[in-house]
C-alpha atoms as a PDB file:
ATOM      1  CA  MET A   1       0.000   0.000   0.000  1.00  0.00           C
ATOM      2  CA  LEU A   2       0.942   3.630  -0.345  1.00  0.00           C
ATOM      3  CA  ALA A   3       2.323   5.672   2.521  1.00  0.00           C
ATOM      4  CA  THR A   4      -0.100   8.134   4.136  1.00  0.00           C
ATOM      5  CA  ARG A   5       0.094  11.482   5.911  1.00  0.00           C
ATOM      6  CA  HIS A   6      -2.347  12.607   8.556  1.00  0.00           C
ATOM      7  CA  TRP A   7      -3.520  16.207   8.826  1.00  0.00           C
ATOM      8  CA  ASP A   8      -5.416  17.443  11.877  1.00  0.00           C
ATOM      9  CA  ARG A   9      -4.981  21.181  12.253  1.00  0.00           C
ATOM     10  CA  LEU A  10      -8.371  21.606  13.955  1.00  0.00           C
ATOM     11  CA  GLY A  11      -8.169  18.701  16.393  1.00  0.00           C
ATOM     12  CA  ASN A  12     -11.347  17.136  14.979  1.00  0.00           C
ATOM     13  CA  GLY A  13      -9.801  13.858  13.854  1.00  0.00           C
ATOM     14  CA  GLY A  14      -8.497  15.358  10.635  1.00  0.00           C
ATOM     15  CA  LEU A  15      -7.970  13.572   7.335  1.00  0.00           C
ATOM     16  CA  THR A  16      -5.546  10.893   6.177  1.00  0.00           C
ATOM     17  CA  PHE A  17      -4.129  11.473   2.704  1.00  0.00           C
ATOM     18  CA  THR A  18      -2.195   8.988   0.609  1.00  0.00           C
ATOM     19  CA  GLU A  19       1.142  10.539  -0.382  1.00  0.00           C
ATOM     20  CA  LEU A  20       0.141   9.874  -3.985  1.00  0.00           C
ATOM     21  CA  GLY A  21      -3.214  11.434  -4.770  1.00  0.00           C
ATOM     22  CA  PHE A  22      -5.232  11.405  -7.980  1.00  0.00           C
ATOM     23  CA  GLY A  23      -5.742  14.636  -9.900  1.00  0.00           C
ATOM     24  CA  ALA A  24      -8.878  14.015 -11.958  1.00  0.00           C
ATOM     25  CA  ALA A  25      -8.518  16.644 -14.701  1.00  0.00           C
ATOM     26  CA  PRO A  26      -6.859  14.344 -17.295  1.00  0.00           C
ATOM     27  CA  ILE A  27      -9.639  11.734 -17.124  1.00  0.00           C
ATOM     28  CA  ALA A  28     -12.099  14.490 -18.130  1.00  0.00           C
ATOM     29  CA  ASN A  29     -10.769  14.574 -21.709  1.00  0.00           C
ATOM     30  CA  LEU A  30      -8.061  17.159 -21.136  1.00  0.00           C
ATOM     31  CA  TYR A  31      -6.220  17.776 -24.458  1.00  0.00           C
ATOM     32  CA  ARG A  32      -7.743  14.619 -25.955  1.00  0.00           C
ATOM     33  CA  ALA A  33     -10.861  12.500 -25.541  1.00  0.00           C
ATOM     34  CA  ILE A  34     -10.601   9.158 -23.810  1.00  0.00           C
ATOM     35  CA  SER A  35     -13.396   6.611 -23.590  1.00  0.00           C
ATOM     36  CA  GLU A  36     -15.474   5.987 -20.510  1.00  0.00           C
ATOM     37  CA  ASP A  37     -13.896   2.547 -20.178  1.00  0.00           C
ATOM     38  CA  ASP A  38     -10.368   3.962 -20.429  1.00  0.00           C
ATOM     39  CA  ALA A  39     -11.136   6.589 -17.775  1.00  0.00           C
ATOM     40  CA  GLN A  40     -12.503   3.921 -15.454  1.00  0.00           C
ATOM     41  CA  ALA A  41      -9.464   1.715 -16.075  1.00  0.00           C
ATOM     42  CA  VAL A  42      -7.171   4.538 -14.885  1.00  0.00           C
ATOM     43  CA  LEU A  43      -9.306   5.124 -11.788  1.00  0.00           C
ATOM     44  CA  GLU A  44      -9.382   1.400 -11.075  1.00  0.00           C
ATOM     45  CA  ALA A  45      -5.585   1.210 -11.398  1.00  0.00           C
ATOM     46  CA  ALA A  46      -5.278   4.104  -8.957  1.00  0.00           C
ATOM     47  CA  TRP A  47      -7.568   2.441  -6.408  1.00  0.00           C
ATOM     48  CA  ASP A  48      -5.899  -0.951  -6.792  1.00  0.00           C
ATOM     49  CA  GLY A  49      -2.525   0.762  -6.338  1.00  0.00           C
ATOM     50  CA  GLY A  50      -3.663   2.174  -2.989  1.00  0.00           C
ATOM     51  CA  VAL A  51      -4.584   5.756  -3.934  1.00  0.00           C
ATOM     52  CA  ARG A  52      -7.203   7.076  -1.525  1.00  0.00           C
ATOM     53  CA  TYR A  53      -7.175  10.817  -2.185  1.00  0.00           C
ATOM     54  CA  PHE A  54      -9.066  12.095  -5.224  1.00  0.00           C
ATOM     55  CA  ASP A  55      -9.225  15.727  -6.330  1.00  0.00           C
ATOM     56  CA  THR A  56     -11.633  17.076  -8.932  1.00  0.00           C
ATOM     57  CA  ALA A  57     -13.449  20.285  -9.926  1.00  0.00           C
ATOM     58  CA  PRO A  58     -16.554  21.378 -11.841  1.00  0.00           C
ATOM     59  CA  LEU A  59     -14.276  22.907 -14.492  1.00  0.00           C
ATOM     60  CA  TYR A  60     -12.603  19.601 -15.374  1.00  0.00           C
ATOM     61  CA  GLY A  61     -14.455  18.499 -18.487  1.00  0.00           C
ATOM     62  CA  TYR A  62     -17.326  20.813 -17.505  1.00  0.00           C
ATOM     63  CA  GLY A  63     -18.669  18.260 -15.042  1.00  0.00           C
ATOM     64  CA  LEU A  64     -17.306  15.148 -16.748  1.00  0.00           C
ATOM     65  CA  SER A  65     -14.545  14.578 -14.178  1.00  0.00           C
ATOM     66  CA  GLU A  66     -17.029  14.551 -11.313  1.00  0.00           C
ATOM     67  CA  THR A  67     -19.447  12.206 -13.096  1.00  0.00           C
ATOM     68  CA  ARG A  68     -16.646   9.795 -14.013  1.00  0.00           C
ATOM     69  CA  LEU A  69     -15.450   9.786 -10.402  1.00  0.00           C
ATOM     70  CA  ASN A  70     -19.044   9.057  -9.377  1.00  0.00           C
ATOM     71  CA  ARG A  71     -18.942   5.758 -11.267  1.00  0.00           C
ATOM     72  CA  ALA A  72     -15.505   4.799  -9.949  1.00  0.00           C
ATOM     73  CA  LEU A  73     -16.263   5.535  -6.306  1.00  0.00           C
ATOM     74  CA  ARG A  74     -19.794   4.126  -6.243  1.00  0.00           C
ATOM     75  CA  GLY A  75     -19.883   1.129  -3.931  1.00  0.00           C
ATOM     76  CA  LYS A  76     -16.693   2.191  -2.112  1.00  0.00           C
ATOM     77  CA  ARG A  77     -17.044   2.922   1.609  1.00  0.00           C
ATOM     78  CA  ARG A  78     -17.171   6.702   1.964  1.00  0.00           C
ATOM     79  CA  ASP A  79     -14.824   6.624   4.944  1.00  0.00           C
ATOM     80  CA  ASP A  80     -12.174   4.802   2.905  1.00  0.00           C
ATOM     81  CA  TYR A  81     -11.124   7.799   0.787  1.00  0.00           C
ATOM     82  CA  VAL A  82     -10.642  11.563   0.893  1.00  0.00           C
ATOM     83  CA  LEU A  83     -12.420  13.636  -1.740  1.00  0.00           C
ATOM     84  CA  SER A  84     -11.910  17.268  -2.710  1.00  0.00           C
ATOM     85  CA  THR A  85     -13.571  19.480  -5.277  1.00  0.00           C
ATOM     86  CA  LYS A  86     -13.735  23.199  -5.919  1.00  0.00           C
ATOM     87  CA  ILE A  87     -15.920  26.295  -5.961  1.00  0.00           C
ATOM     88  CA  GLY A  88     -15.623  29.556  -7.885  1.00  0.00           C
ATOM     89  CA  ARG A  89     -17.254  28.591 -11.173  1.00  0.00           C
ATOM     90  CA  LEU A  90     -20.840  27.732 -11.965  1.00  0.00           C
ATOM     91  CA  LEU A  91     -21.605  25.877 -15.204  1.00  0.00           C
ATOM     92  CA  ARG A  92     -24.396  26.973 -17.520  1.00  0.00           C
ATOM     93  CA  VAL A  93     -25.850  25.068 -20.454  1.00  0.00           C
ATOM     94  CA  VAL A  94     -25.034  26.590 -23.864  1.00  0.00           C
ATOM     95  CA  ASP A  95     -25.433  25.746 -27.521  1.00  0.00           C
ATOM     96  CA  PRO A  96     -22.702  23.219 -28.468  1.00  0.00           C
ATOM     97  CA  ALA A  97     -21.190  25.756 -30.881  1.00  0.00           C
ATOM     98  CA  LEU A  98     -20.727  28.170 -27.970  1.00  0.00           C
ATOM     99  CA  ARG A  99     -19.127  25.664 -25.629  1.00  0.00           C
ATOM    100  CA  GLU A 100     -16.039  27.000 -23.888  1.00  0.00           C
ATOM    101  CA  GLY A 101     -12.610  25.370 -23.709  1.00  0.00           C
ATOM    102  CA  GLN A 102     -12.862  23.789 -27.163  1.00  0.00           C
ATOM    103  CA  ALA A 103      -9.090  23.615 -27.665  1.00  0.00           C
ATOM    104  CA  LYS A 104      -8.528  22.174 -24.193  1.00  0.00           C
ATOM    105  CA  TRP A 105     -11.445  19.865 -23.335  1.00  0.00           C
ATOM    106  CA  PHE A 106     -12.725  17.362 -25.901  1.00  0.00           C
ATOM    107  CA  ASP A 107     -16.062  15.580 -26.192  1.00  0.00           C
ATOM    108  CA  VAL A 108     -17.477  17.144 -23.014  1.00  0.00           C
ATOM    109  CA  PRO A 109     -20.893  18.603 -22.094  1.00  0.00           C
ATOM    110  CA  ALA A 110     -21.892  21.873 -23.807  1.00  0.00           C
ATOM    111  CA  ARG A 111     -21.280  24.236 -20.916  1.00  0.00           C
ATOM    112  CA  ALA A 112     -19.821  27.668 -20.273  1.00  0.00           C
ATOM    113  CA  GLU A 113     -18.172  28.690 -17.012  1.00  0.00           C
ATOM    114  CA  VAL A 114     -19.327  31.626 -14.925  1.00  0.00           C
ATOM    115  CA  TYR A 115     -16.820  32.844 -12.340  1.00  0.00           C
ATOM    116  CA  ASP A 116     -18.663  33.481  -9.082  1.00  0.00           C
ATOM    117  CA  TYR A 117     -17.013  33.450  -5.657  1.00  0.00           C
ATOM    118  CA  SER A 118     -20.061  34.718  -3.746  1.00  0.00           C
ATOM    119  CA  TYR A 119     -21.695  33.084  -0.727  1.00  0.00           C
ATOM    120  CA  ASP A 120     -24.710  31.873  -2.687  1.00  0.00           C
ATOM    121  CA  ALA A 121     -22.662  30.563  -5.619  1.00  0.00           C
ATOM    122  CA  THR A 122     -20.399  28.636  -3.246  1.00  0.00           C
ATOM    123  CA  MET A 123     -23.401  26.895  -1.695  1.00  0.00           C
ATOM    124  CA  ARG A 124     -24.903  26.162  -5.115  1.00  0.00           C
ATOM    125  CA  SER A 125     -21.595  24.897  -6.490  1.00  0.00           C
ATOM    126  CA  LEU A 126     -21.253  22.436  -3.605  1.00  0.00           C
ATOM    127  CA  GLU A 127     -24.815  21.217  -4.146  1.00  0.00           C
ATOM    128  CA  PHE A 128     -24.179  20.620  -7.873  1.00  0.00           C
ATOM    129  CA  SER A 129     -20.903  18.808  -7.125  1.00  0.00           C
ATOM    130  CA  LEU A 130     -22.523  16.515  -4.572  1.00  0.00           C
ATOM    131  CA  GLU A 131     -25.105  15.605  -7.204  1.00  0.00           C
ATOM    132  CA  ARG A 132     -22.555  14.950  -9.975  1.00  0.00           C
ATOM    133  CA  LEU A 133     -20.303  12.963  -7.635  1.00  0.00           C
ATOM    134  CA  GLY A 134     -23.174  11.003  -6.104  1.00  0.00           C
ATOM    135  CA  VAL A 135     -21.837  11.409  -2.549  1.00  0.00           C
ATOM    136  CA  ASP A 136     -23.250  12.897   0.623  1.00  0.00           C
ATOM    137  CA  ARG A 137     -20.197  14.893   1.624  1.00  0.00           C
ATOM    138  CA  ILE A 138     -16.995  16.494   0.364  1.00  0.00           C
ATOM    139  CA  ASP A 139     -13.948  16.413   2.626  1.00  0.00           C
ATOM    140  CA  VAL A 140     -12.078  19.452   1.277  1.00  0.00           C
ATOM    141  CA  LEU A 141     -13.450  22.391  -0.733  1.00  0.00           C
ATOM    142  CA  TYR A 142     -10.986  24.646  -2.559  1.00  0.00           C
ATOM    143  CA  ALA A 143     -11.683  28.084  -4.004  1.00  0.00           C
ATOM    144  CA  HIS A 144     -10.526  27.500  -7.577  1.00  0.00           C
ATOM    145  CA  ASP A 145      -8.115  29.570  -9.668  1.00  0.00           C
ATOM    146  CA  LEU A 146      -7.805  32.719  -7.604  1.00  0.00           C
ATOM    147  CA  ASP A 147      -4.684  33.724  -9.523  1.00  0.00           C
ATOM    148  CA  VAL A 148      -3.427  36.129 -12.179  1.00  0.00           C
ATOM    149  CA  PHE A 149      -2.979  33.186 -14.568  1.00  0.00           C
ATOM    150  CA  ASN A 150      -6.772  32.815 -14.813  1.00  0.00           C
ATOM    151  CA  HIS A 151      -8.029  36.346 -14.217  1.00  0.00           C
ATOM    152  CA  GLY A 152      -5.552  38.156 -16.434  1.00  0.00           C
ATOM    153  CA  SER A 153      -4.273  40.982 -14.258  1.00  0.00           C
ATOM    154  CA  ALA A 154      -3.436  41.838 -10.659  1.00  0.00           C
ATOM    155  CA  ALA A 155      -6.416  44.206 -10.508  1.00  0.00           C
ATOM    156  CA  ALA A 156      -8.866  41.594 -11.802  1.00  0.00           C
ATOM    157  CA  LEU A 157      -7.508  39.046  -9.358  1.00  0.00           C
ATOM    158  CA  GLN A 158      -7.813  41.476  -6.447  1.00  0.00           C
ATOM    159  CA  ALA A 159     -11.474  42.058  -7.294  1.00  0.00           C
ATOM    160  CA  ARG A 160     -12.072  38.293  -7.208  1.00  0.00           C
ATOM    161  CA  LEU A 161     -10.149  37.884  -3.946  1.00  0.00           C
ATOM    162  CA  ASP A 162     -12.258  40.621  -2.369  1.00  0.00           C
ATOM    163  CA  GLU A 163     -15.434  38.998  -3.718  1.00  0.00           C
ATOM    164  CA  PHE A 164     -14.384  35.659  -2.278  1.00  0.00           C
ATOM    165  CA  MET A 165     -13.467  36.969   1.172  1.00  0.00           C
ATOM    166  CA  ALA A 166     -16.791  38.841   1.391  1.00  0.00           C
ATOM    167  CA  GLY A 167     -18.855  35.852   0.275  1.00  0.00           C
ATOM    168  CA  GLY A 168     -17.432  32.434  -0.527  1.00  0.00           C
ATOM    169  CA  TYR A 169     -15.060  32.484   2.420  1.00  0.00           C
ATOM    170  CA  ARG A 170     -17.965  33.026   4.819  1.00  0.00           C
ATOM    171  CA  ALA A 171     -19.816  30.138   3.181  1.00  0.00           C
ATOM    172  CA  LEU A 172     -16.820  27.830   3.599  1.00  0.00           C
ATOM    173  CA  LEU A 173     -16.452  28.828   7.249  1.00  0.00           C
ATOM    174  CA  ALA A 174     -20.129  28.005   7.835  1.00  0.00           C
ATOM    175  CA  LEU A 175     -19.868  24.672   6.004  1.00  0.00           C
ATOM    176  CA  ARG A 176     -16.845  23.655   8.062  1.00  0.00           C
ATOM    177  CA  GLU A 177     -18.497  24.766  11.297  1.00  0.00           C
ATOM    178  CA  GLN A 178     -21.592  22.698  10.472  1.00  0.00           C
ATOM    179  CA  GLY A 179     -19.460  19.643   9.660  1.00  0.00           C
ATOM    180  CA  VAL A 180     -20.577  19.559   6.015  1.00  0.00           C
ATOM    181  CA  ILE A 181     -16.916  19.749   4.977  1.00  0.00           C
ATOM    182  CA  ARG A 182     -13.836  18.871   7.019  1.00  0.00           C
ATOM    183  CA  ALA A 183     -11.495  21.493   5.590  1.00  0.00           C
ATOM    184  CA  PHE A 184     -11.196  24.265   3.017  1.00  0.00           C
ATOM    185  CA  GLY A 185      -8.605  26.309   1.200  1.00  0.00           C
ATOM    186  CA  ALA A 186      -7.752  27.363  -2.337  1.00  0.00           C
ATOM    187  CA  GLY A 187      -6.552  25.519  -5.425  1.00  0.00           C
ATOM    188  CA  VAL A 188      -4.352  27.836  -7.478  1.00  0.00           C
ATOM    189  CA  ASN A 189      -1.395  28.070  -9.862  1.00  0.00           C
ATOM    190  CA  GLU A 190       0.505  30.762  -7.887  1.00  0.00           C
ATOM    191  CA  TRP A 191       1.749  30.844  -4.302  1.00  0.00           C
ATOM    192  CA  GLN A 192       1.281  34.605  -3.827  1.00  0.00           C
ATOM    193  CA  PRO A 193      -2.553  34.529  -3.640  1.00  0.00           C
ATOM    194  CA  CYS A 194      -2.274  31.589  -1.216  1.00  0.00           C
ATOM    195  CA  GLN A 195      -0.178  33.733   1.078  1.00  0.00           C
ATOM    196  CA  TRP A 196      -2.552  36.700   0.697  1.00  0.00           C
ATOM    197  CA  LEU A 197      -5.461  34.489   1.744  1.00  0.00           C
ATOM    198  CA  LEU A 198      -3.569  32.816   4.570  1.00  0.00           C
ATOM    199  CA  GLU A 199      -2.672  36.208   6.036  1.00  0.00           C
ATOM    200  CA  ARG A 200      -6.373  37.177   6.113  1.00  0.00           C
ATOM    201  CA  GLY A 201      -8.336  34.043   6.919  1.00  0.00           C
ATOM    202  CA  ASP A 202      -8.580  30.745   8.772  1.00  0.00           C
ATOM    203  CA  PHE A 203      -7.596  28.306   6.019  1.00  0.00           C
ATOM    204  CA  ASP A 204      -6.784  24.608   6.317  1.00  0.00           C
ATOM    205  CA  ILE A 205      -5.245  23.237   3.119  1.00  0.00           C
ATOM    206  CA  PHE A 206      -3.965  24.762  -0.116  1.00  0.00           C
ATOM    207  CA  LEU A 207      -3.623  22.954  -3.406  1.00  0.00           C
ATOM    208  CA  LEU A 208      -0.665  24.588  -5.139  1.00  0.00           C
ATOM    209  CA  ALA A 209      -0.117  23.518  -8.749  1.00  0.00           C
ATOM    210  CA  GLY A 210       3.320  23.624 -10.331  1.00  0.00           C
ATOM    211  CA  ARG A 211       4.898  26.171  -8.006  1.00  0.00           C
ATOM    212  CA  TYR A 212       6.954  23.937  -5.769  1.00  0.00           C
ATOM    213  CA  THR A 213       8.944  21.571  -7.947  1.00  0.00           C
ATOM    214  CA  LEU A 214      12.507  20.718  -8.923  1.00  0.00           C
ATOM    215  CA  LEU A 215      12.254  23.697 -11.285  1.00  0.00           C
ATOM    216  CA  GLU A 216      10.689  26.224  -8.887  1.00  0.00           C
ATOM    217  CA  GLN A 217      11.093  26.754  -5.148  1.00  0.00           C
ATOM    218  CA  GLU A 218      10.274  30.442  -4.656  1.00  0.00           C
ATOM    219  CA  ALA A 219       7.376  29.470  -2.361  1.00  0.00           C
ATOM    220  CA  LEU A 220      10.030  28.583   0.257  1.00  0.00           C
ATOM    221  CA  GLU A 221      10.724  32.254   0.900  1.00  0.00           C
ATOM    222  CA  THR A 222       7.551  33.212   2.767  1.00  0.00           C
ATOM    223  CA  PHE A 223       4.472  31.125   1.911  1.00  0.00           C
ATOM    224  CA  LEU A 224       5.566  27.628   2.942  1.00  0.00           C
ATOM    225  CA  PRO A 225       7.089  28.791   6.267  1.00  0.00           C
ATOM    226  CA  LEU A 226       3.799  30.580   7.051  1.00  0.00           C
ATOM    227  CA  ALA A 227       1.816  27.447   6.203  1.00  0.00           C
ATOM    228  CA  MET A 228       4.046  25.418   8.512  1.00  0.00           C
ATOM    229  CA  ALA A 229       3.594  27.926  11.340  1.00  0.00           C
ATOM    230  CA  ARG A 230      -0.199  27.757  10.984  1.00  0.00           C
ATOM    231  CA  GLY A 231      -0.443  23.958  10.685  1.00  0.00           C
ATOM    232  CA  VAL A 232      -1.805  24.356   7.163  1.00  0.00           C
ATOM    233  CA  GLY A 233      -1.525  21.364   4.845  1.00  0.00           C
ATOM    234  CA  ILE A 234      -0.229  21.605   1.299  1.00  0.00           C
ATOM    235  CA  VAL A 235      -1.353  19.419  -1.587  1.00  0.00           C
ATOM    236  CA  LEU A 236       1.062  19.772  -4.483  1.00  0.00           C
ATOM    237  CA  GLY A 237      -0.348  19.497  -7.978  1.00  0.00           C
ATOM    238  CA  GLY A 238       1.747  19.576 -11.121  1.00  0.00           C
ATOM    239  CA  PRO A 239       4.933  18.099  -9.595  1.00  0.00           C
ATOM    240  CA  TYR A 240       6.198  17.572 -13.148  1.00  0.00           C
ATOM    241  CA  ASN A 241       5.390  21.170 -14.236  1.00  0.00           C
ATOM    242  CA  SER A 242       2.814  19.923 -16.787  1.00  0.00           C
ATOM    243  CA  GLY A 243       5.111  17.206 -18.084  1.00  0.00           C
ATOM    244  CA  VAL A 244       8.669  18.368 -18.666  1.00  0.00           C
ATOM    245  CA  LEU A 245       9.917  16.824 -15.406  1.00  0.00           C
ATOM    246  CA  ALA A 246       8.318  13.500 -16.387  1.00  0.00           C
ATOM    247  CA  THR A 247       9.350  13.351 -20.039  1.00  0.00           C
ATOM    248  CA  GLY A 248      12.629  15.235 -19.759  1.00  0.00           C
ATOM    249  CA  PRO A 249      13.551  18.055 -22.163  1.00  0.00           C
ATOM    250  CA  LYS A 250      12.366  16.344 -25.342  1.00  0.00           C
ATOM    251  CA  PRO A 251      10.800  18.238 -28.275  1.00  0.00           C
ATOM    252  CA  GLY A 252       7.188  19.116 -27.520  1.00  0.00           C
ATOM    253  CA  ALA A 253       7.623  18.865 -23.749  1.00  0.00           C
ATOM    254  CA  PHE A 254       5.083  20.887 -21.787  1.00  0.00           C
ATOM    255  CA  TYR A 255       5.639  23.422 -19.002  1.00  0.00           C
ATOM    256  CA  ASN A 256       2.798  25.227 -17.244  1.00  0.00           C
ATOM    257  CA  TYR A 257       0.226  23.942 -19.781  1.00  0.00           C
ATOM    258  CA  ASP A 258       2.197  25.275 -22.779  1.00  0.00           C
ATOM    259  CA  PRO A 259       5.201  24.141 -24.833  1.00  0.00           C
ATOM    260  CA  ALA A 260       8.288  24.471 -22.622  1.00  0.00           C
ATOM    261  CA  PRO A 261      10.439  27.576 -23.220  1.00  0.00           C
ATOM    262  CA  ASP A 262      14.181  27.266 -23.788  1.00  0.00           C
ATOM    263  CA  TRP A 263      15.194  28.088 -20.206  1.00  0.00           C
ATOM    264  CA  VAL A 264      12.964  25.290 -18.897  1.00  0.00           C
ATOM    265  CA  LEU A 265      14.326  22.765 -21.405  1.00  0.00           C
ATOM    266  CA  LYS A 266      17.883  23.715 -20.466  1.00  0.00           C
ATOM    267  CA  ARG A 267      17.233  23.456 -16.732  1.00  0.00           C
ATOM    268  CA  ALA A 268      15.360  20.166 -17.081  1.00  0.00           C
ATOM    269  CA  GLY A 269      18.298  18.818 -19.089  1.00  0.00           C
ATOM    270  CA  GLN A 270      20.720  19.760 -16.316  1.00  0.00           C
ATOM    271  CA  LEU A 271      18.480  18.142 -13.697  1.00  0.00           C
ATOM    272  CA  GLN A 272      18.153  15.003 -15.785  1.00  0.00           C
ATOM    273  CA  GLU A 273      21.920  14.775 -16.226  1.00  0.00           C
ATOM    274  CA  VAL A 274      22.540  14.856 -12.453  1.00  0.00           C
ATOM    275  CA  CYS A 275      19.749  12.341 -11.819  1.00  0.00           C
ATOM    276  CA  ALA A 276      21.209   9.973 -14.427  1.00  0.00           C
ATOM    277  CA  ALA A 277      24.613  10.171 -12.750  1.00  0.00           C
ATOM    278  CA  HIS A 278      22.968   8.839  -9.588  1.00  0.00           C
ATOM    279  CA  GLY A 279      20.953   6.186 -11.403  1.00  0.00           C
ATOM    280  CA  VAL A 280      17.654   7.973 -10.700  1.00  0.00           C
ATOM    281  CA  ARG A 281      14.824   8.751 -13.126  1.00  0.00           C
ATOM    282  CA  LEU A 282      14.024  12.470 -13.367  1.00  0.00           C
ATOM    283  CA  VAL A 283      10.324  11.735 -12.800  1.00  0.00           C
ATOM    284  CA  ASP A 284      11.087   9.853  -9.560  1.00  0.00           C
ATOM    285  CA  ALA A 285      13.246  12.681  -8.243  1.00  0.00           C
ATOM    286  CA  ALA A 286      10.547  15.222  -9.150  1.00  0.00           C
ATOM    287  CA  PHE A 287       7.844  13.339  -7.265  1.00  0.00           C
ATOM    288  CA  GLN A 288       9.981  12.576  -4.227  1.00  0.00           C
ATOM    289  CA  PHE A 289      11.282  16.154  -3.988  1.00  0.00           C
ATOM    290  CA  ALA A 290       7.709  17.446  -3.766  1.00  0.00           C
ATOM    291  CA  LEU A 291       7.057  15.096  -0.843  1.00  0.00           C
ATOM    292  CA  ARG A 292      10.083  16.263   1.121  1.00  0.00           C
ATOM    293  CA  HIS A 293       8.523  19.477   2.458  1.00  0.00           C
ATOM    294  CA  PRO A 294       7.006  18.771   5.899  1.00  0.00           C
ATOM    295  CA  ALA A 295       3.817  20.785   5.157  1.00  0.00           C
ATOM    296  CA  VAL A 296       2.952  18.564   2.191  1.00  0.00           C
ATOM    297  CA  VAL A 297       0.173  16.019   2.765  1.00  0.00           C
ATOM    298  CA  SER A 298      -0.171  14.677  -0.781  1.00  0.00           C
ATOM    299  CA  VAL A 299       1.223  15.028  -4.301  1.00  0.00           C
ATOM    300  CA  ILE A 300      -1.220  14.730  -7.205  1.00  0.00           C
ATOM    301  CA  PRO A 301       0.328  14.303 -10.643  1.00  0.00           C
ATOM    302  CA  GLY A 302      -1.973  13.838 -13.603  1.00  0.00           C
ATOM    303  CA  GLY A 303      -2.395  10.632 -15.531  1.00  0.00           C
ATOM    304  CA  GLN A 304      -4.606   9.937 -18.517  1.00  0.00           C
ATOM    305  CA  GLY A 305      -3.636   6.324 -19.093  1.00  0.00           C
ATOM    306  CA  VAL A 306      -2.972   3.188 -17.082  1.00  0.00           C
ATOM    307  CA  ALA A 307       0.741   3.370 -17.978  1.00  0.00           C
ATOM    308  CA  GLU A 308       1.011   6.889 -16.552  1.00  0.00           C
ATOM    309  CA  MET A 309      -0.804   5.764 -13.418  1.00  0.00           C
ATOM    310  CA  ALA A 310       1.636   2.877 -13.049  1.00  0.00           C
ATOM    311  CA  ALA A 311       4.559   5.283 -13.484  1.00  0.00           C
ATOM    312  CA  ASN A 312       3.155   7.542 -10.743  1.00  0.00           C
ATOM    313  CA  LEU A 313       2.854   4.563  -8.404  1.00  0.00           C
ATOM    314  CA  VAL A 314       6.508   3.687  -9.068  1.00  0.00           C
ATOM    315  CA  ALA A 315       7.574   7.310  -8.465  1.00  0.00           C
ATOM    316  CA  ALA A 316       5.634   7.396  -5.178  1.00  0.00           C
ATOM    317  CA  LYS A 317       7.673   4.464  -3.871  1.00  0.00           C
ATOM    318  CA  ALA A 318      11.056   5.443  -5.332  1.00  0.00           C
ATOM    319  CA  VAL A 319      14.073   5.586  -3.028  1.00  0.00           C
ATOM    320  CA  ILE A 320      16.360   8.546  -3.722  1.00  0.00           C
ATOM    321  CA  PRO A 321      19.993   8.526  -2.545  1.00  0.00           C
ATOM    322  CA  PRO A 322      20.675  11.557  -0.312  1.00  0.00           C
ATOM    323  CA  ALA A 323      23.759  12.310  -2.426  1.00  0.00           C
ATOM    324  CA  LEU A 324      21.478  13.297  -5.332  1.00  0.00           C
ATOM    325  CA  TRP A 325      19.945  16.169  -3.390  1.00  0.00           C
ATOM    326  CA  GLN A 326      23.388  17.267  -2.166  1.00  0.00           C
ATOM    327  CA  ASP A 327      24.694  17.226  -5.730  1.00  0.00           C
ATOM    328  CA  LEU A 328      21.740  19.273  -7.040  1.00  0.00           C
ATOM    329  CA  LYS A 329      22.295  21.878  -4.334  1.00  0.00           C
ATOM    330  CA  ALA A 330      26.048  21.980  -4.943  1.00  0.00           C
ATOM    331  CA  LYS A 331      25.425  22.638  -8.642  1.00  0.00           C
ATOM    332  CA  GLY A 332      22.931  25.433  -7.913  1.00  0.00           C
ATOM    333  CA  LEU A 333      20.030  23.442  -9.359  1.00  0.00           C
ATOM    334  CA  LEU A 334      18.150  23.306  -6.042  1.00  0.00           C
ATOM    335  CA  ARG A 335      17.735  25.923  -3.337  1.00  0.00           C
ATOM    336  CA  VAL A 336      20.082  25.316  -0.422  1.00  0.00           C
ATOM    337  CA  ASP A 337      17.169  25.716   2.038  1.00  0.00           C
ATOM    338  CA  ALA A 338      14.931  23.184   0.246  1.00  0.00           C
ATOM    339  CA  PRO A 339      13.975  20.366   2.678  1.00  0.00           C
ATOM    340  CA  VAL A 340      15.302  17.038   1.367  1.00  0.00           C
END
């Protein structure tokens, strides 16, 4: 079985996460359509491999991720797994020609997203998710995509942060107080908004995607120490930075959802070279590095096929020689203060 990490900031029994979690965006036809049977095969491989933390969102396949998880988790004891989803977008039915995300999500319901971080929208979003997932409770609710990457500018993001703190945040507090959810936080692509929120509210867990990896450790400066001080858990998404740390610097490698720029390819090549000298796969080092920070409760790489799921299971159990981390630091490829 997979190793687990227990989080109990509130003293209410907390939640037990498997160190390898399942990020359910790829099974919702991200970048290419996969069949229902193929999606279920990946989820079955994850469960059989011991994965017991599943993260999804209304955005992923415009509801498809949640409905596919519904089928996979039906019949499983609800206390046997941890489930998170997100708020911040409501889905509305549109004409198929007007469906959003057509270059990103394939063969998904004809929906458009409406950003809404208000109190009412948060409650409605949870209700819709419970219905799509076919469960009676969600363990962790994240406010989704409160970052510049999604909202386009610092000013637009600030307006959304203010909207959330005035509305959605109050809803999440009430839901946690009533025991409807066990924990809440934000799921974002940047550490700065996480810190902004943490400095202003009583948050439990943040899902940070792609911003604490072998390529990037800036979050060590202020955000991660603050999380540690507050007992806040960190789920790390995108430990391979959208792929380049899994595939290596090959042509067409992805970084941050786009083709990798030259500096990323160069850096990934240097990392790969050091890993090879120690007989370690780059993907294994990338996964294990993400786990090394003491605030981290789970790492959730993507996986659209059974082979990728199998590779993630191998990476989750990989043993890394301490000399590799020392070598990476000595060569300036890893921050000296990075926990290893």
